[in-house]
Amino acid sequence: MRILVVEDDALVASGIKEGLSLARFTVDLVGRAEHAVEQIRAGEVFDLAIVDLGLPGMGGLSLIRQLRQSGVQLPILILTARDSLEDCVQGLEVGADDYMTKPFRLPELAARVRALVRRANSVVSATLNYGALELDTARHSATLAGMPLELTLSEWTLLEMMVMLTPQVASKARLLQTLSGWDKDMSANAIEVHVSRLRAKLADSGICIRTVRGIGYRLDDPKD
């Protein structure tokens, strides 16, 4: 999953990125709300945004209000030093989905991020099931027909995305952005290599990763 962090404190931003990266998220950082708007308008796809309130220039509340008024629906978690009830209520009323105060604990932040992403994709449990496949998103463990399934970080990320989006098609562009973010150089061919390896690991399970020509990939219903 790809997370956009809007935080002007470089040390805090770096800590968030390191912690969420260890939790298997792809994290991109911007220090100003205006830059976040530019990236989203440019078509960059994120699964969630973490927004500080005390930003230089446009503030966090104005950013959230503008995104919601523009029809942007991605989950937004406010992460701020402002701990008053009034600030929390105002943040939620302008369109944020959750509110956390600094200092914070990284495991709790990661758990809230996962919960918000699941909710946005209409997934109610931390465990994703698809046929004989089970993904425990909290523990980052996978089983296939009850047996442990060894996955690389990239394979896990792609498979998690496809399961959460099913029966929709996961576009190559979205998968590529989810894997790479801004600070990694990855080609569309790399996606094909990872998908090929996933197909081999899912062989004989009844689960098929179908290529939708010109768009991306979709999991076939194991019952079909």
Foldseek 3Di string as FASTA:
>chain_A
DEEEEAAQPVVVLVVLCVLVVVLLFHYDYDPALVVVVVCVVVPQDGQEYEAEQPGPDDGRLNSLLVCVVVVNDHAYEYEYQDDDPVVQVSSVVSPHPYYHYPPDDSLVVNVVSLCSSCVVLVHHACWQDAQQWIARSSVRWIDGVNHTQDDDSLLSQVVVVQSSNPPDFDFLVNSVCRPAPDPRDDDSVVVVVSVVVVQVSCPPRLWDWDADPPGHTHIDRSVD
